[in-house]
């Protein structure tokens, strides 16, 4: 029998490493709720919109799971994904740059499927890597 961590690992691998969009239908409950910047709503619709937007704009996608932490029906997934920017992403024309993003998803499972998700990722770093934002970094005094 698969643990919740196993389910999250299988889903992440199918969707992000293998590009299998059918994983969304297989792993999300139709009533799931997702809280993701710019994409709050029904889980399946929100996740499909986000995934399609990403895979349209980025190719040669690579991903890894940095950490998986479980407690009861909750799983925290810390991930890193990179891709080559080949098409428009949030009105940013293709740059042909390889970008890397990192994020954390808090997933609540019910009956082996995702019922709720809170997703946070480092968008500022992505826009900086794409060359549309310059972040000023200040190091603390030593």
Protein backbone atom coordinates (compact mmCIF):
# COMPACT_ATOMS: atom_id res chain seq x y z
CA UNK A 1 0.00 0.00 0.00
CA UNK A 2 1.32 3.45 -0.96
CA UNK A 3 1.97 6.03 1.72
CA UNK A 4 0.96 9.67 1.23
CA UNK A 5 4.63 10.48 0.56
CA UNK A 6 4.73 7.75 -2.12
CA UNK A 7 1.61 9.20 -3.77
CA UNK A 8 3.08 12.72 -3.87
CA UNK A 9 6.39 11.38 -5.23
CA UNK A 10 4.61 9.35 -7.95
CA UNK A 11 2.45 12.32 -8.94
CA UNK A 12 5.35 14.78 -9.07
CA UNK A 13 7.41 12.37 -11.18
CA UNK A 14 4.59 11.63 -13.62
CA UNK A 15 3.58 15.24 -14.08
CA UNK A 16 6.78 17.27 -13.89
CA UNK A 17 9.52 14.77 -14.79
CA UNK A 18 7.60 12.81 -17.45
CA UNK A 19 5.23 15.56 -18.64
CA UNK A 20 2.18 13.30 -18.20
CA UNK A 21 -0.75 15.74 -17.92
CA UNK A 22 -3.17 12.85 -17.25
CA UNK A 23 -1.65 12.70 -13.75
CA UNK A 24 -3.74 15.75 -12.83
CA UNK A 25 -7.01 13.85 -13.39
CA UNK A 26 -5.63 10.74 -11.70
CA UNK A 27 -4.38 12.38 -8.49
CA UNK A 28 -6.73 15.33 -7.82
CA UNK A 29 -10.23 15.03 -6.40
CA UNK A 30 -12.80 16.90 -8.54
CA UNK A 31 -13.72 18.90 -5.42
CA UNK A 32 -10.12 19.79 -4.51
CA UNK A 33 -9.28 23.39 -3.66
CA UNK A 34 -5.97 24.98 -4.63
CA UNK A 35 -4.45 28.17 -3.27
CA UNK A 36 -1.72 29.28 -5.66
CA UNK A 37 -0.76 32.86 -6.56
CA UNK A 38 -3.00 33.89 -9.44
CA UNK A 39 -4.70 30.50 -9.67
CA UNK A 40 -7.04 30.00 -6.69
CA UNK A 41 -9.99 27.70 -7.37
CA UNK A 42 -10.98 24.14 -8.27
CA UNK A 43 -7.96 21.86 -8.07
CA UNK A 44 -8.13 20.18 -11.43
CA UNK A 45 -8.82 23.40 -13.37
CA UNK A 46 -6.20 25.41 -11.48
CA UNK A 47 -3.48 22.78 -11.76
CA UNK A 48 -4.18 22.14 -15.46
CA UNK A 49 -4.02 25.88 -16.23
CA UNK A 50 -0.73 26.27 -14.37
CA UNK A 51 0.84 23.12 -15.87
CA UNK A 52 -0.25 23.97 -19.43
CA UNK A 53 1.13 27.52 -19.03
CA UNK A 54 4.47 26.17 -17.83
CA UNK A 55 4.86 23.38 -20.42
CA UNK A 56 3.92 25.77 -23.24
CA UNK A 57 6.66 28.23 -22.23
CA UNK A 58 9.39 25.84 -21.06
CA UNK A 59 10.97 22.76 -22.64
CA UNK A 60 13.76 20.44 -21.54
CA UNK A 61 12.13 20.42 -18.11
CA UNK A 62 14.07 18.85 -15.25
CA UNK A 63 12.76 18.49 -11.72
CA UNK A 64 13.71 17.07 -8.39
CA UNK A 65 12.14 16.58 -4.99
CA UNK A 66 14.30 18.27 -2.39
CA UNK A 67 12.25 17.27 0.68
CA UNK A 68 9.05 15.40 1.53
CA UNK A 69 7.65 15.77 5.03
CA UNK A 70 4.47 14.03 6.15
CA UNK A 71 2.18 14.34 9.11
CA UNK A 72 -1.16 12.56 9.06
CA UNK A 73 -3.03 13.43 5.88
CA UNK A 74 -0.64 16.33 5.05
CA UNK A 75 2.49 16.25 2.90
CA UNK A 76 4.94 19.09 2.39
CA UNK A 77 6.75 18.89 -0.95
CA UNK A 78 9.82 21.10 -1.47
CA UNK A 79 10.74 20.98 -5.17
CA UNK A 80 13.12 22.48 -7.71
CA UNK A 81 12.30 22.61 -11.42
CA UNK A 82 14.22 24.05 -14.36
CA UNK A 83 13.40 24.55 -18.01
CA UNK A 84 14.44 26.31 -21.20
CA UNK A 85 12.24 29.37 -21.88
CA UNK A 86 11.05 28.85 -25.50
CA UNK A 87 7.63 30.60 -25.62
CA UNK A 88 5.69 33.41 -23.95
CA UNK A 89 5.38 33.16 -20.16
CA UNK A 90 3.26 35.78 -18.38
CA UNK A 91 3.62 38.13 -21.38
CA UNK A 92 7.40 37.63 -21.41
CA UNK A 93 8.56 36.59 -24.90
CA UNK A 94 10.88 33.60 -25.21
CA UNK A 95 14.41 34.36 -23.99
CA UNK A 96 16.02 30.97 -24.68
CA UNK A 97 17.35 31.14 -21.10
CA UNK A 98 17.36 28.18 -18.74
CA UNK A 99 15.66 29.15 -15.51
CA UNK A 100 15.37 27.35 -12.19
CA UNK A 101 12.50 27.80 -9.76
CA UNK A 102 11.91 26.39 -6.35
CA UNK A 103 8.73 26.06 -4.35
CA UNK A 104 6.84 24.39 -1.58
CA UNK A 105 3.45 22.68 -1.82
CA UNK A 106 1.41 21.72 1.23
CA UNK A 107 -0.96 18.96 0.12
CA UNK A 108 -3.84 17.39 2.06
CA UNK A 109 -4.76 13.93 0.84
CA UNK A 110 -8.05 12.10 1.15
CA UNK A 111 -8.45 8.54 -0.06
CA UNK A 112 -5.10 8.65 -1.85
CA UNK A 113 -5.92 11.80 -3.85
CA UNK A 114 -5.30 15.51 -3.33
CA UNK A 115 -8.10 17.38 -1.58
CA UNK A 116 -6.34 20.69 -0.85
CA UNK A 117 -3.12 22.41 -1.84
CA UNK A 118 -1.30 25.56 -0.83
CA UNK A 119 1.52 26.31 -3.29
CA UNK A 120 4.25 28.93 -2.97
CA UNK A 121 7.13 29.40 -5.40
CA UNK A 122 9.87 31.98 -5.92
CA UNK A 123 8.42 34.01 -8.80
CA UNK A 124 10.73 36.98 -8.28
CA UNK A 125 13.75 34.80 -8.94
CA UNK A 126 12.15 33.48 -12.14
CA UNK A 127 11.51 37.01 -13.45
CA UNK A 128 15.06 38.01 -12.54
CA UNK A 129 16.45 35.00 -14.44
CA UNK A 130 14.30 35.93 -17.45
CA UNK A 131 15.85 39.40 -17.39
CA UNK A 132 12.69 41.43 -16.70
CA UNK A 133 13.42 42.23 -13.06
CA UNK A 134 16.58 43.24 -11.28
CA UNK A 135 16.69 42.46 -7.58
CA UNK A 136 19.03 44.37 -5.34
CA UNK A 137 20.65 41.99 -2.92
CA UNK A 138 22.10 43.34 0.28
CA UNK A 139 24.23 41.23 2.53
CA UNK A 140 23.98 41.83 6.26
CA UNK A 141 27.00 43.53 7.84
CA UNK A 142 29.58 41.18 9.26
